[in-house]
Amino acid sequence: MSPHLEVSDGEQAGRRLRLDGELLLGTAVTGDGRLADPVVSRRHARVRIRDDGRVVLEDLDSTNGTWVNGQRLGAPRELDPGDVIRIGRTSLRFADPPVSAPVSAGAAPARSAARDTVVGGIRPSVSAEGTVAGGARPSASRPATVAGSDPPGATA
């Protein structure tokens, strides 16, 4: 999913505005950026994706201003995921979901941390049933002893 704005408040709540390069927001713009809000200027703000992938919001000298997280925007500003933009009576939340890395065919499954544990230079082998090599089963009823430490109850 690509970066987008979600209208979270106002007459168009629930609407999602995709950010593909540049998006003009206002009452007189065409396409996704048209906001049906009487307090919004005809050409109110611009959101654009820079070459480095960062998303920048700019107020276009609107009458009532553009606000980000409760602060009036004075100069173009980079947006962070979760930022709330207020334009007129409309609130929009910026979302930029991370791109998930593709899983290649034949990739090794994630390994359990327990299988990577080394105690005293020895890697214990544990079966799927939880039995430690040699047939012993771990017991929650006995206090555990950590290799290289005093047994429980011992005083120094």
N, C-alpha and C. Protein backbone atom coordinates (compact mmCIF):
# COMPACT_ATOMS: atom_id res chain seq x y z
N MET A 1 0.84 -1.16 0.00
CA MET A 1 0.00 0.00 0.00
C MET A 1 0.90 1.24 0.00
N SER A 2 0.52 2.25 -0.74
CA SER A 2 1.34 3.46 -0.87
C SER A 2 0.93 4.50 0.17
N PRO A 3 1.74 5.56 0.32
CA PRO A 3 1.38 6.62 1.26
C PRO A 3 0.02 7.20 0.89
N HIS A 4 -0.76 7.56 1.90
CA HIS A 4 -2.08 8.13 1.65
C HIS A 4 -2.54 8.97 2.83
N LEU A 5 -3.60 9.72 2.60
CA LEU A 5 -4.26 10.49 3.65
C LEU A 5 -5.62 9.85 3.89
N GLU A 6 -5.98 9.70 5.14
CA GLU A 6 -7.29 9.17 5.50
C GLU A 6 -8.09 10.30 6.14
N VAL A 7 -9.25 10.61 5.57
CA VAL A 7 -10.09 11.65 6.15
C VAL A 7 -10.68 11.07 7.42
N SER A 8 -10.30 11.65 8.56
CA SER A 8 -10.72 11.09 9.85
C SER A 8 -11.83 11.89 10.51
N ASP A 9 -12.11 13.09 9.98
CA ASP A 9 -13.11 13.96 10.59
C ASP A 9 -13.67 14.87 9.51
N GLY A 10 -14.93 15.20 9.62
CA GLY A 10 -15.54 16.08 8.63
C GLY A 10 -16.56 15.32 7.81
N GLU A 11 -17.10 16.00 6.82
CA GLU A 11 -18.17 15.42 6.00
C GLU A 11 -17.73 14.20 5.19
N GLN A 12 -16.45 14.09 4.91
CA GLN A 12 -15.97 13.00 4.07
C GLN A 12 -15.19 11.96 4.87
N ALA A 13 -15.47 11.85 6.16
CA ALA A 13 -14.77 10.89 7.04
C ALA A 13 -14.81 9.49 6.44
N GLY A 14 -13.67 8.80 6.51
CA GLY A 14 -13.55 7.45 5.98
C GLY A 14 -12.96 7.40 4.58
N ARG A 15 -12.90 8.53 3.91
CA ARG A 15 -12.36 8.58 2.55
C ARG A 15 -10.84 8.49 2.58
N ARG A 16 -10.26 7.79 1.62
CA ARG A 16 -8.81 7.64 1.51
C ARG A 16 -8.32 8.35 0.25
N LEU A 17 -7.30 9.21 0.43
CA LEU A 17 -6.73 9.95 -0.69
C LEU A 17 -5.34 9.42 -0.98
N ARG A 18 -5.17 8.81 -2.15
CA ARG A 18 -3.87 8.26 -2.52
C ARG A 18 -2.90 9.37 -2.88
N LEU A 19 -1.66 9.17 -2.53
CA LEU A 19 -0.62 10.13 -2.87
C LEU A 19 0.26 9.52 -3.96
N ASP A 20 0.05 9.97 -5.17
CA ASP A 20 0.85 9.50 -6.30
C ASP A 20 1.60 10.70 -6.87
N GLY A 21 2.75 10.99 -6.31
CA GLY A 21 3.53 12.12 -6.78
C GLY A 21 3.12 13.41 -6.11
N GLU A 22 1.98 13.99 -6.52
CA GLU A 22 1.51 15.25 -5.96
C GLU A 22 -0.01 15.24 -5.87
N LEU A 23 -0.52 15.82 -4.79
CA LEU A 23 -1.97 15.91 -4.60
C LEU A 23 -2.29 17.32 -4.13
N LEU A 24 -3.13 18.03 -4.90
CA LEU A 24 -3.62 19.34 -4.49
C LEU A 24 -4.89 19.14 -3.69
N LEU A 25 -5.01 19.89 -2.60
CA LEU A 25 -6.20 19.83 -1.75
C LEU A 25 -6.92 21.17 -1.80
N GLY A 26 -8.24 21.14 -1.98
CA GLY A 26 -9.02 22.37 -2.01
C GLY A 26 -10.41 22.11 -2.53
N THR A 27 -11.21 23.18 -2.61
CA THR A 27 -12.59 23.03 -3.08
C THR A 27 -12.70 23.12 -4.59
N ALA A 28 -11.70 23.71 -5.26
CA ALA A 28 -11.78 23.90 -6.71
C ALA A 28 -10.85 22.99 -7.48
N VAL A 29 -10.26 22.00 -6.81
CA VAL A 29 -9.38 21.08 -7.52
C VAL A 29 -10.19 19.88 -8.00
N THR A 30 -9.67 19.21 -9.00
CA THR A 30 -10.35 18.02 -9.50
C THR A 30 -9.68 16.78 -8.94
N GLY A 31 -10.37 15.69 -8.95
CA GLY A 31 -9.79 14.42 -8.50
C GLY A 31 -9.91 14.21 -7.01
N ASP A 32 -9.01 13.35 -6.48
CA ASP A 32 -9.07 12.94 -5.08
C ASP A 32 -8.94 14.09 -4.09
N GLY A 33 -8.24 15.16 -4.45
CA GLY A 33 -7.98 16.24 -3.50
C GLY A 33 -9.11 17.22 -3.28
N ARG A 34 -10.23 17.02 -3.96
CA ARG A 34 -11.38 17.93 -3.79
C ARG A 34 -12.02 17.67 -2.42
N LEU A 35 -12.08 18.74 -1.62
CA LEU A 35 -12.67 18.64 -0.29
C LEU A 35 -13.95 19.47 -0.24
N ALA A 36 -15.06 18.84 0.12
CA ALA A 36 -16.35 19.52 0.23
C ALA A 36 -16.45 20.12 1.63
N ASP A 37 -15.76 21.24 1.83
CA ASP A 37 -15.70 21.89 3.14
C ASP A 37 -15.73 23.39 2.88
N PRO A 38 -16.76 24.09 3.37
CA PRO A 38 -16.88 25.52 3.06
C PRO A 38 -15.76 26.40 3.64
N VAL A 39 -14.97 25.89 4.57
CA VAL A 39 -13.90 26.67 5.18
C VAL A 39 -12.56 26.46 4.46
N VAL A 40 -12.53 25.53 3.52
CA VAL A 40 -11.31 25.22 2.77
C VAL A 40 -11.20 26.16 1.58
N SER A 41 -9.99 26.63 1.31
CA SER A 41 -9.74 27.50 0.15
C SER A 41 -9.82 26.71 -1.15
N ARG A 42 -9.97 27.44 -2.24
CA ARG A 42 -10.09 26.79 -3.55
C ARG A 42 -8.85 25.93 -3.84
N ARG A 43 -7.68 26.48 -3.64
CA ARG A 43 -6.41 25.73 -3.74
C ARG A 43 -5.73 25.91 -2.39
N HIS A 44 -5.96 25.00 -1.49
CA HIS A 44 -5.60 25.17 -0.09
C HIS A 44 -4.18 24.68 0.24
N ALA A 45 -3.86 23.46 -0.16
CA ALA A 45 -2.56 22.87 0.21
C ALA A 45 -2.12 21.88 -0.85
N ARG A 46 -0.83 21.56 -0.79
CA ARG A 46 -0.26 20.57 -1.72
C ARG A 46 0.52 19.55 -0.90
N VAL A 47 0.35 18.27 -1.26
CA VAL A 47 1.12 17.19 -0.67
C VAL A 47 1.88 16.54 -1.81
N ARG A 48 3.20 16.40 -1.63
CA ARG A 48 3.98 15.79 -2.71
C ARG A 48 5.00 14.81 -2.14
N ILE A 49 5.32 13.83 -2.95
CA ILE A 49 6.34 12.85 -2.59
C ILE A 49 7.63 13.28 -3.27
N ARG A 50 8.67 13.53 -2.46
CA ARG A 50 9.97 13.91 -3.01
C ARG A 50 10.67 12.70 -3.62
N ASP A 51 11.75 12.96 -4.34
CA ASP A 51 12.52 11.89 -4.97
C ASP A 51 13.07 10.90 -3.94
N ASP A 52 13.34 11.39 -2.71
CA ASP A 52 13.87 10.50 -1.67
C ASP A 52 12.77 9.71 -0.95
N GLY A 53 11.52 9.89 -1.38
CA GLY A 53 10.41 9.13 -0.80
C GLY A 53 9.71 9.83 0.35
N ARG A 54 10.29 10.90 0.87
CA ARG A 54 9.64 11.64 1.96
C ARG A 54 8.43 12.40 1.42
N VAL A 55 7.42 12.56 2.26
CA VAL A 55 6.19 13.25 1.87
C VAL A 55 6.18 14.63 2.53
N VAL A 56 5.93 15.66 1.72
CA VAL A 56 5.98 17.05 2.18
C VAL A 56 4.62 17.72 1.98
N LEU A 57 4.18 18.45 3.01
CA LEU A 57 2.93 19.21 2.97
C LEU A 57 3.27 20.69 2.89
N GLU A 58 2.54 21.42 2.03
CA GLU A 58 2.78 22.85 1.86
C GLU A 58 1.44 23.57 1.81
N ASP A 59 1.30 24.64 2.57
CA ASP A 59 0.11 25.49 2.51
C ASP A 59 0.26 26.41 1.31
N LEU A 60 -0.81 26.60 0.55
CA LEU A 60 -0.75 27.43 -0.66
C LEU A 60 -1.37 28.81 -0.40
N ASP A 61 -0.93 29.46 0.67
CA ASP A 61 -1.45 30.78 1.06
C ASP A 61 -2.96 30.75 1.26
N SER A 62 -3.44 29.71 1.91
CA SER A 62 -4.87 29.58 2.16
C SER A 62 -5.34 30.63 3.16
N THR A 63 -6.62 30.93 3.13
CA THR A 63 -7.20 31.93 4.02
C THR A 63 -7.14 31.50 5.48
N ASN A 64 -7.49 30.26 5.77
CA ASN A 64 -7.59 29.79 7.16
C ASN A 64 -6.41 28.94 7.61
N GLY A 65 -5.44 28.75 6.76
CA GLY A 65 -4.24 28.02 7.15
C GLY A 65 -4.38 26.51 7.11
N THR A 66 -3.24 25.87 7.21
CA THR A 66 -3.13 24.41 7.27
C THR A 66 -2.44 24.09 8.58
N TRP A 67 -2.94 23.12 9.28
CA TRP A 67 -2.44 22.77 10.62
C TRP A 67 -1.95 21.33 10.63
N VAL A 68 -0.84 21.08 11.33
CA VAL A 68 -0.31 19.72 11.49
C VAL A 68 -0.11 19.48 12.98
N ASN A 69 -0.78 18.48 13.50
CA ASN A 69 -0.70 18.13 14.92
C ASN A 69 -0.93 19.35 15.81
N GLY A 70 -1.91 20.19 15.44
CA GLY A 70 -2.28 21.34 16.25
C GLY A 70 -1.44 22.58 16.05
N GLN A 71 -0.45 22.54 15.16
CA GLN A 71 0.41 23.71 14.92
C GLN A 71 0.22 24.21 13.49
N ARG A 72 0.06 25.53 13.39
CA ARG A 72 -0.12 26.12 12.06
C ARG A 72 1.14 25.94 11.23
N LEU A 73 0.94 25.54 9.99
CA LEU A 73 2.05 25.31 9.07
C LEU A 73 2.53 26.64 8.51
N GLY A 74 3.81 26.96 8.71
CA GLY A 74 4.36 28.20 8.19
C GLY A 74 5.17 27.99 6.93
N ALA A 75 5.84 26.86 6.86
CA ALA A 75 6.69 26.52 5.72
C ALA A 75 6.42 25.06 5.37
N PRO A 76 6.83 24.63 4.17
CA PRO A 76 6.65 23.21 3.83
C PRO A 76 7.24 22.32 4.92
N ARG A 77 6.58 21.21 5.18
CA ARG A 77 6.99 20.33 6.27
C ARG A 77 6.89 18.87 5.84
N GLU A 78 7.90 18.08 6.23
CA GLU A 78 7.85 16.64 6.00
C GLU A 78 6.83 16.04 6.95
N LEU A 79 6.08 15.08 6.44
CA LEU A 79 5.09 14.40 7.27
C LEU A 79 5.64 13.09 7.79
N ASP A 80 5.23 12.75 8.99
CA ASP A 80 5.55 11.46 9.59
C ASP A 80 4.27 10.66 9.72
N PRO A 81 4.35 9.33 9.62
CA PRO A 81 3.14 8.52 9.77
C PRO A 81 2.42 8.87 11.07
N GLY A 82 1.10 9.04 10.97
CA GLY A 82 0.28 9.37 12.13
C GLY A 82 0.03 10.86 12.29
N ASP A 83 0.76 11.71 11.55
CA ASP A 83 0.51 13.15 11.63
C ASP A 83 -0.94 13.43 11.25
N VAL A 84 -1.55 14.38 11.97
CA VAL A 84 -2.93 14.78 11.68
C VAL A 84 -2.90 16.18 11.07
N ILE A 85 -3.47 16.27 9.88
CA ILE A 85 -3.53 17.53 9.13
C ILE A 85 -4.95 18.07 9.28
N ARG A 86 -5.06 19.35 9.59
CA ARG A 86 -6.38 19.98 9.69
C ARG A 86 -6.46 21.07 8.62
N ILE A 87 -7.45 20.91 7.75
CA ILE A 87 -7.70 21.88 6.68
C ILE A 87 -9.18 22.24 6.80
N GLY A 88 -9.46 23.47 7.19
CA GLY A 88 -10.84 23.85 7.43
C GLY A 88 -11.42 23.03 8.56
N ARG A 89 -12.54 22.38 8.31
CA ARG A 89 -13.16 21.50 9.31
C ARG A 89 -12.83 20.04 9.05
N THR A 90 -11.92 19.80 8.13
CA THR A 90 -11.56 18.44 7.73
C THR A 90 -10.23 18.04 8.34
N SER A 91 -10.21 16.86 8.98
CA SER A 91 -8.97 16.29 9.52
C SER A 91 -8.57 15.11 8.66
N LEU A 92 -7.28 15.04 8.36
CA LEU A 92 -6.73 13.94 7.57
C LEU A 92 -5.54 13.38 8.32
N ARG A 93 -5.46 12.06 8.37
CA ARG A 93 -4.32 11.41 9.03
C ARG A 93 -3.41 10.86 7.94
N PHE A 94 -2.10 11.16 8.07
CA PHE A 94 -1.13 10.68 7.10
C PHE A 94 -0.71 9.26 7.46
N ALA A 95 -0.76 8.37 6.48
CA ALA A 95 -0.33 6.98 6.67
C ALA A 95 0.69 6.64 5.59
N ASP A 96 1.77 6.03 6.02
CA ASP A 96 2.82 5.60 5.09
C ASP A 96 3.26 4.21 5.50
N PRO A 97 2.45 3.19 5.14
CA PRO A 97 2.78 1.83 5.56
C PRO A 97 4.13 1.40 5.01
N PRO A 98 4.91 0.67 5.83
CA PRO A 98 6.20 0.19 5.35
C PRO A 98 6.01 -0.82 4.23
N VAL A 99 6.94 -0.82 3.32
CA VAL A 99 6.92 -1.81 2.24
C VAL A 99 7.47 -3.10 2.81
N SER A 100 6.68 -4.16 2.75
CA SER A 100 7.16 -5.43 3.29
C SER A 100 8.09 -6.09 2.28
N ALA A 101 9.15 -6.65 2.80
CA ALA A 101 10.13 -7.32 1.95
C ALA A 101 9.52 -8.59 1.38
N PRO A 102 9.70 -8.81 0.08
CA PRO A 102 9.16 -10.03 -0.51
C PRO A 102 9.89 -11.25 0.02
N VAL A 103 9.15 -12.32 0.21
CA VAL A 103 9.74 -13.57 0.67
C VAL A 103 10.08 -14.38 -0.57
N SER A 104 11.35 -14.73 -0.70
CA SER A 104 11.76 -15.48 -1.88
C SER A 104 11.41 -16.95 -1.71
N ALA A 105 11.19 -17.61 -2.82
CA ALA A 105 10.87 -19.03 -2.79
C ALA A 105 12.04 -19.79 -2.19
N GLY A 106 11.73 -20.72 -1.31
CA GLY A 106 12.77 -21.54 -0.71
C GLY A 106 13.47 -20.84 0.45
N ALA A 107 12.93 -19.72 0.91
CA ALA A 107 13.56 -19.02 2.03
C ALA A 107 13.43 -19.86 3.28
N ALA A 108 14.46 -19.81 4.10
CA ALA A 108 14.45 -20.57 5.34
C ALA A 108 13.43 -19.99 6.30
N PRO A 109 12.68 -20.84 7.00
CA PRO A 109 11.71 -20.33 7.96
C PRO A 109 12.42 -19.66 9.12
N ALA A 110 11.69 -18.81 9.83
CA ALA A 110 12.26 -18.14 10.99
C ALA A 110 12.67 -19.18 12.01
N ARG A 111 13.82 -18.92 12.67
CA ARG A 111 14.33 -19.87 13.65
C ARG A 111 13.89 -19.47 15.03
N SER A 112 13.70 -20.45 15.87
CA SER A 112 13.34 -20.21 17.25
C SER A 112 14.56 -19.74 18.01
N ALA A 113 14.38 -18.75 18.89
CA ALA A 113 15.49 -18.25 19.70
C ALA A 113 16.03 -19.35 20.60
N ALA A 114 15.15 -20.25 21.06
CA ALA A 114 15.59 -21.33 21.95
C ALA A 114 16.60 -22.23 21.25
N ARG A 115 16.48 -22.39 19.96
CA ARG A 115 17.40 -23.26 19.24
C ARG A 115 18.74 -22.59 19.02
N ASP A 116 18.80 -21.27 19.19
CA ASP A 116 20.04 -20.54 19.01
C ASP A 116 20.75 -20.26 20.34
N THR A 117 20.19 -20.75 21.45
CA THR A 117 20.77 -20.49 22.76
C THR A 117 21.97 -21.38 22.99
N VAL A 118 23.04 -20.77 23.51
CA VAL A 118 24.25 -21.51 23.85
C VAL A 118 24.50 -21.30 25.33
N VAL A 119 24.67 -22.40 26.10
CA VAL A 119 24.91 -22.32 27.53
C VAL A 119 26.27 -22.95 27.80
N GLY A 120 27.19 -22.16 28.36
CA GLY A 120 28.51 -22.68 28.69
C GLY A 120 29.23 -23.27 27.50
N GLY A 121 29.02 -22.70 26.31
CA GLY A 121 29.69 -23.18 25.11
C GLY A 121 29.01 -24.39 24.49
N ILE A 122 27.89 -24.86 25.08
CA ILE A 122 27.18 -26.03 24.57
C ILE A 122 25.80 -25.59 24.10
N ARG A 123 25.40 -26.06 22.94
CA ARG A 123 24.07 -25.77 22.42
C ARG A 123 23.18 -26.97 22.76
N PRO A 124 22.26 -26.81 23.75
CA PRO A 124 21.42 -27.95 24.11
C PRO A 124 20.48 -28.29 22.96
N SER A 125 20.21 -29.57 22.81
CA SER A 125 19.28 -29.98 21.77
C SER A 125 17.95 -30.28 22.44
N VAL A 126 16.89 -29.61 21.96
CA VAL A 126 15.56 -29.77 22.54
C VAL A 126 14.63 -30.31 21.47
N SER A 127 13.87 -31.35 21.82
CA SER A 127 12.93 -31.94 20.87
C SER A 127 11.66 -31.09 20.81
N ALA A 128 10.81 -31.39 19.85
CA ALA A 128 9.55 -30.67 19.70
C ALA A 128 8.66 -30.83 20.93
N GLU A 129 8.82 -31.93 21.67
CA GLU A 129 8.00 -32.16 22.86
C GLU A 129 8.56 -31.44 24.07
N GLY A 130 9.71 -30.78 23.94
CA GLY A 130 10.29 -30.06 25.06
C GLY A 130 11.25 -30.91 25.87
N THR A 131 11.64 -32.07 25.38
CA THR A 131 12.59 -32.92 26.09
C THR A 131 14.00 -32.50 25.74
N VAL A 132 14.83 -32.30 26.76
CA VAL A 132 16.22 -31.93 26.55
C VAL A 132 17.00 -33.19 26.24
N ALA A 133 18.07 -33.06 25.44
CA ALA A 133 18.90 -34.21 25.10
C ALA A 133 19.22 -35.01 26.35
N GLY A 134 19.14 -36.32 26.28
CA GLY A 134 19.38 -37.19 27.42
C GLY A 134 18.07 -37.63 28.07
N GLY A 135 16.93 -37.13 27.58
CA GLY A 135 15.64 -37.59 28.08
C GLY A 135 15.05 -36.76 29.20
N ALA A 136 15.80 -35.80 29.74
CA ALA A 136 15.27 -34.99 30.85
C ALA A 136 14.21 -34.03 30.32
N ARG A 137 13.21 -33.78 31.14
CA ARG A 137 12.17 -32.81 30.78
C ARG A 137 12.31 -31.62 31.72
N PRO A 138 12.25 -30.42 31.20
CA PRO A 138 12.32 -29.25 32.07
C PRO A 138 11.15 -29.25 33.04
N SER A 139 11.39 -28.80 34.25
CA SER A 139 10.34 -28.78 35.26
C SER A 139 10.15 -27.37 35.78
N ALA A 140 8.91 -26.91 35.79
CA ALA A 140 8.62 -25.58 36.30
C ALA A 140 8.55 -25.61 37.82
N SER A 141 8.46 -26.82 38.44
CA SER A 141 8.32 -26.90 39.89
C SER A 141 9.66 -26.76 40.61
N ARG A 142 10.78 -26.94 39.90
CA ARG A 142 12.10 -26.78 40.53
C ARG A 142 12.70 -25.46 40.10
N PRO A 143 13.42 -24.76 41.01
CA PRO A 143 14.08 -23.53 40.59
C PRO A 143 15.17 -23.83 39.58
N ALA A 144 15.30 -22.97 38.62
CA ALA A 144 16.30 -23.17 37.57
C ALA A 144 17.65 -22.67 38.05
N THR A 145 18.71 -23.32 37.58
CA THR A 145 20.07 -22.88 37.85
C THR A 145 20.66 -22.41 36.54
N VAL A 146 21.20 -21.21 36.55
CA VAL A 146 21.82 -20.65 35.36
C VAL A 146 23.27 -21.07 35.36
N ALA A 147 23.75 -21.57 34.22
CA ALA A 147 25.14 -22.01 34.13
C ALA A 147 26.07 -20.90 34.56
N GLY A 148 27.01 -21.23 35.45
CA GLY A 148 28.00 -20.26 35.91
C GLY A 148 27.53 -19.45 37.11
N SER A 149 26.36 -19.78 37.68
CA SER A 149 25.88 -19.04 38.85
C SER A 149 25.71 -19.99 40.02
N ASP A 150 25.53 -19.43 41.21
CA ASP A 150 25.31 -20.26 42.39
C ASP A 150 23.91 -20.85 42.33
N PRO A 151 23.72 -22.06 42.87
CA PRO A 151 22.39 -22.66 42.89
C PRO A 151 21.44 -21.80 43.72
N PRO A 152 20.13 -21.90 43.47
CA PRO A 152 19.16 -21.13 44.24
C PRO A 152 19.29 -21.47 45.73
N GLY A 153 19.21 -20.45 46.58
CA GLY A 153 19.29 -20.66 48.02
C GLY A 153 20.70 -20.60 48.56
N ALA A 154 21.71 -20.64 47.71
CA ALA A 154 23.10 -20.60 48.17
C ALA A 154 23.45 -19.18 48.57
N THR A 155 24.23 -19.04 49.63
CA THR A 155 24.66 -17.71 50.05
C THR A 155 26.15 -17.57 49.81
N ALA A 156 26.57 -16.38 49.51
CA ALA A 156 27.98 -16.14 49.20
C ALA A 156 28.76 -15.77 50.43
